[in-house]
Structures are given as C-alpha cells and as structure tokens.
Amino acid sequence: MKLRLLMLLACLLLSSTPSSAQSPPEKAPDMSTELRNAFNEVNGWVTKAAETVPADKYNYRPVDTVRTFGQLIGHITDSYNYFCAQGVGNKIEWSEAIEKGGTDKDTLLPKLKEAISKCNAAYSSNNAQLRPLFTNVGHTSLHYGNIITYMRMMGLKPPSS
C-alpha cells in the first residue's frame, strides 16, 4: 500500500514539473509597442469610418449644438497634428485650422492621411515623448465614441462593431 502511494506521489510530482522541452514564455511587448498598437486600433476605426460615411453625410450633426461629422474628423486630424508633433518634441500651439476649414470628405481624407503619417512616425520613434501620445490615444478614443453615435444615427455600422 505504501509503495503504491509513493508511486502515485512520484507520478504526480513528475507530471507537474515543467519539461525542458516546453518553449519559454513569450516576452510581453514594451510600453511604446502597446501604445503604438492602441493608436493603430482606434485610428483604424476612425479612418475606416471617415472612408465609409458618404460624402453627403459629412455635414450631418445630431443637433445644432455639436460638430458635424466632417468637423469631428477635422478636429481629430487637428489633434493628430498637435499631439504627434508634441510626441516627437516639437513645441507647437493647438490649431483648429482643419476643423474650421473645409470639412467635406474630399478635403478631409488627404489631410487625415497626412496627419496619420506624422503620427506613425511619432509612435515608431525610439525617442518619442509618451505623454502626448497617450493623450492622443485617449482623445481619439473619446471622439471615436462620438463617431459611433453619429454613424448609428445615420443608419451606418461603425467599424468596431
């Protein structure tokens, strides 16, 4: 009886010991990689929404006291220009030039893509200032929530759904 108990205990101990054939655990991504991934996710949704919403809906606003869809995309573009410039160490002032300018789809999409290009450089930089880039992800996420609401009110499916 004791021999069986010892054999059972030995089997249990041996089966719970990690094997040298197991692969080592994967290294978790660093903070800048996680931040870049967060930006890519929310920016992907914003960009897809900007491309999906028809041009004639860029002047849509749920009520008179809020931005139009086009102004919202312009505001996000302005914020990309600001926060991503700050992220690479450029000290610039906030500007609403894009939001206050032409907010039609044909005008905004190239400006959005240009701002995204600058942000991609900032998020890929080894010397990036993380605080403005974190703020950019948070700010964009908040406004993507607005985009979701606008799209649903227009009868469109948001990209993250």
Protein backbone atom coordinates (compact mmCIF):
# COMPACT_ATOMS: atom_id res chain seq x y z
CA MET A 1 0.00 0.00 0.00
CA LYS A 2 2.80 2.43 0.90
CA LEU A 3 4.59 1.57 -2.32
CA ARG A 4 1.50 2.43 -4.38
CA LEU A 5 1.09 5.71 -2.52
CA LEU A 6 4.75 6.60 -3.11
CA MET A 7 4.46 5.69 -6.80
CA LEU A 8 1.33 7.83 -7.15
CA LEU A 9 3.04 10.77 -5.44
CA ALA A 10 6.11 10.40 -7.66
CA CYS A 11 3.93 10.35 -10.79
CA LEU A 12 2.07 13.47 -9.68
CA LEU A 13 5.30 15.31 -8.89
CA LEU A 14 6.90 14.33 -12.18
CA SER A 15 3.85 15.29 -14.20
CA SER A 16 3.67 18.76 -12.63
CA THR A 17 7.37 19.53 -13.15
CA PRO A 18 7.95 21.73 -16.21
CA SER A 19 9.54 19.93 -19.08
CA SER A 20 12.73 21.27 -20.61
CA ALA A 21 11.07 20.72 -23.99
CA GLN A 22 8.48 23.45 -23.31
CA SER A 23 9.07 26.75 -25.01
CA PRO A 24 9.98 29.74 -22.84
CA PRO A 25 7.19 32.19 -22.10
CA GLU A 26 6.75 34.97 -24.63
CA LYS A 27 8.12 38.36 -23.66
CA ALA A 28 5.39 40.95 -23.17
CA PRO A 29 5.52 43.91 -25.58
CA ASP A 30 7.07 47.08 -24.17
CA MET A 31 5.05 50.19 -23.35
CA SER A 32 5.81 52.00 -26.62
CA THR A 33 4.70 48.94 -28.62
CA GLU A 34 1.46 48.73 -26.64
CA LEU A 35 0.88 52.45 -27.16
CA ARG A 36 1.50 52.16 -30.91
CA ASN A 37 -0.90 49.19 -31.06
CA ALA A 38 -3.59 51.19 -29.22
CA PHE A 39 -3.19 54.10 -31.64
CA ASN A 40 -3.31 51.78 -34.65
CA GLU A 41 -6.53 50.21 -33.39
CA VAL A 42 -8.51 53.37 -32.68
CA ASN A 43 -7.05 55.22 -35.67
CA GLY A 44 -8.01 52.29 -37.90
CA TRP A 45 -11.62 52.66 -36.76
CA VAL A 46 -11.59 56.44 -37.26
CA THR A 47 -10.06 56.11 -40.73
CA LYS A 48 -12.49 53.39 -41.78
CA ALA A 49 -15.40 55.49 -40.52
CA ALA A 50 -14.14 58.55 -42.44
CA GLU A 51 -13.91 56.44 -45.59
CA THR A 52 -17.28 54.71 -45.04
CA VAL A 53 -19.51 57.71 -44.35
CA PRO A 54 -20.83 59.03 -47.68
CA ALA A 55 -19.67 62.49 -48.74
CA ASP A 56 -23.21 63.90 -48.49
CA LYS A 57 -23.32 62.91 -44.79
CA TYR A 58 -20.21 64.88 -43.79
CA ASN A 59 -22.47 67.82 -42.92
CA TYR A 60 -24.64 65.64 -40.63
CA ARG A 61 -24.94 66.65 -36.98
CA PRO A 62 -27.37 65.12 -34.49
CA VAL A 63 -28.28 68.54 -33.02
CA ASP A 64 -27.28 72.12 -33.80
CA THR A 65 -25.00 72.42 -30.75
CA VAL A 66 -22.45 69.75 -31.79
CA ARG A 67 -19.89 69.36 -34.57
CA THR A 68 -20.85 67.97 -37.95
CA PHE A 69 -19.34 64.61 -38.86
CA GLY A 70 -16.84 66.44 -41.08
CA GLN A 71 -15.91 68.86 -38.29
CA LEU A 72 -15.38 65.88 -35.99
CA ILE A 73 -12.98 64.26 -38.48
CA GLY A 74 -11.30 67.67 -38.90
CA HIS A 75 -10.95 68.00 -35.12
CA ILE A 76 -9.35 64.56 -34.84
CA THR A 77 -6.99 65.49 -37.68
CA ASP A 78 -6.04 68.72 -35.89
CA SER A 79 -5.42 66.75 -32.70
CA TYR A 80 -3.18 64.25 -34.54
CA ASN A 81 -1.13 67.14 -35.89
CA TYR A 82 -0.80 68.63 -32.41
CA PHE A 83 -0.22 65.58 -30.20
CA CYS A 84 2.06 63.73 -32.63
CA ALA A 85 4.20 66.84 -33.17
CA GLN A 86 4.49 67.09 -29.40
CA GLY A 87 5.32 63.38 -29.32
CA VAL A 88 8.48 63.99 -31.37
CA GLY A 89 9.46 67.00 -29.30
CA ASN A 90 8.08 69.85 -31.44
CA LYS A 91 6.54 72.60 -29.35
CA ILE A 92 3.58 73.79 -31.39
CA GLU A 93 0.37 75.57 -30.49
CA TRP A 94 -3.04 73.94 -30.83
CA SER A 95 -4.67 74.79 -34.15
CA GLU A 96 -8.21 74.23 -35.39
CA ALA A 97 -7.24 75.03 -38.97
CA ILE A 98 -8.58 71.80 -40.42
CA GLU A 99 -11.79 71.65 -38.37
CA LYS A 100 -12.53 75.31 -39.18
CA GLY A 101 -11.56 74.87 -42.84
CA GLY A 102 -13.22 72.75 -45.49
CA THR A 103 -14.89 69.78 -43.87
CA ASP A 104 -16.07 67.93 -46.95
CA LYS A 105 -14.88 64.38 -47.47
CA ASP A 106 -12.62 65.12 -50.46
CA THR A 107 -10.78 67.82 -48.49
CA LEU A 108 -10.52 65.95 -45.20
CA LEU A 109 -9.38 62.45 -46.19
CA PRO A 110 -6.00 63.53 -47.62
CA LYS A 111 -5.37 65.75 -44.58
CA LEU A 112 -6.30 62.91 -42.22
CA LYS A 113 -3.94 60.53 -44.02
CA GLU A 114 -1.13 63.09 -43.91
CA ALA A 115 -1.64 63.53 -40.15
CA ILE A 116 -1.69 59.74 -39.68
CA SER A 117 1.64 59.52 -41.45
CA LYS A 118 3.12 62.01 -38.97
CA CYS A 119 1.62 60.06 -36.08
CA ASN A 120 3.01 56.77 -37.36
CA ALA A 121 6.47 58.36 -37.36
CA ALA A 122 5.95 59.61 -33.79
CA TYR A 123 4.67 56.28 -32.48
CA SER A 124 7.60 54.48 -34.15
CA SER A 125 10.25 56.85 -32.81
CA ASN A 126 12.73 55.49 -30.27
CA ASN A 127 12.84 58.93 -28.64
CA ALA A 128 9.11 59.63 -28.53
CA GLN A 129 7.58 61.67 -25.73
CA LEU A 130 4.97 59.23 -24.43
CA ARG A 131 2.67 61.62 -22.55
CA PRO A 132 1.27 63.43 -25.63
CA LEU A 133 0.97 60.12 -27.47
CA PHE A 134 -1.02 58.62 -24.59
CA THR A 135 -3.20 61.73 -24.59
CA ASN A 136 -3.71 61.34 -28.32
CA VAL A 137 -4.98 57.76 -27.93
CA GLY A 138 -7.35 58.81 -25.14
CA HIS A 139 -8.61 61.85 -27.05
CA THR A 140 -9.14 59.86 -30.24
CA SER A 141 -10.95 57.11 -28.33
CA LEU A 142 -13.35 59.65 -26.81
CA HIS A 143 -14.18 61.09 -30.21
CA TYR A 144 -14.49 57.66 -31.78
CA GLY A 145 -17.37 57.22 -29.32
CA ASN A 146 -18.99 60.27 -30.95
CA ILE A 147 -18.36 58.74 -34.37
CA ILE A 148 -20.12 55.53 -33.29
CA THR A 149 -23.18 57.53 -32.24
CA TYR A 150 -23.21 59.63 -35.42
CA MET A 151 -22.88 56.56 -37.64
CA ARG A 152 -25.68 54.71 -35.86
CA MET A 153 -27.93 57.77 -36.18
CA MET A 154 -27.11 57.81 -39.92
CA GLY A 155 -28.06 54.13 -40.15
CA LEU A 156 -24.44 53.01 -40.70
CA LYS A 157 -22.49 50.29 -38.92
CA PRO A 158 -19.41 51.56 -37.03
CA PRO A 159 -16.13 49.84 -37.96
CA SER A 160 -15.55 48.46 -34.46
CA SER A 161 -18.92 46.67 -34.38
